């Protein structure tokens, strides 16, 4: 587990957890999470815990990584913590019987390690019926930024962004933001065509989003393009 600063060259914290039980690994990872993504806020006479990333989503992702990783691969689960997200990478791709679409949409669950899975299920760290991704997504239902799942041949990565509440965006900004999600860059014409928002209105929305730091503008004239701000992207 590594906590980075502004970039990967700035390492603020690091911890390796080896040769201990999986339950201790899980608990250690939760400790690192709470150190950087939770804080207490006093409102009047009440003290409440604020979660920048939902604790239940993080625990679900870590538990799934421990349960579903390929233990015959001599590699470690990696937890990379950034200011705006956590990336959890586990060794081993998907089982041959499971497609990437089925995995991402939570349609089918195949336990690679059924004994470990059964222990975690009985302790209520995971659901036996493969609802992990659906549960994670549900926890982000009110966030403009959503989890991302990347399936590679020999590994799986889950990206949990720091939540950005929909309330910080206007209704029209949400429409534009969602059109830009997953796009490297877009022109005003492309956004206009996809959203149906008229040019003058769209330019006001885009300029407002630039002022709020949600997006950036590059180029000039007909070469102007808009990109999601790296600090708010997944």
Foldseek 3Di string as FASTA:
>chain_A
DWEAEQDPVRTDDDDDDDDDDLVVVLVVVLVVQCVQFWDWDDDPNDIDIDGLFDSLLVLLVSLCLVFAADPVDPDDWDWYHYNWKIKTKHWAFDPPVDDPVCLQVQPADDGPHVVSVVVCVVVVSYPPGRCSNVVSQVVQVQFLAGWDWDTDHTMIMIMTTRGHGPVVADPVLSLLSVVQAPPAKADLVVSCVVRVDDDVVSVVSVVVCVVVQQWDWDDDDRPIIIHGRPSNHD
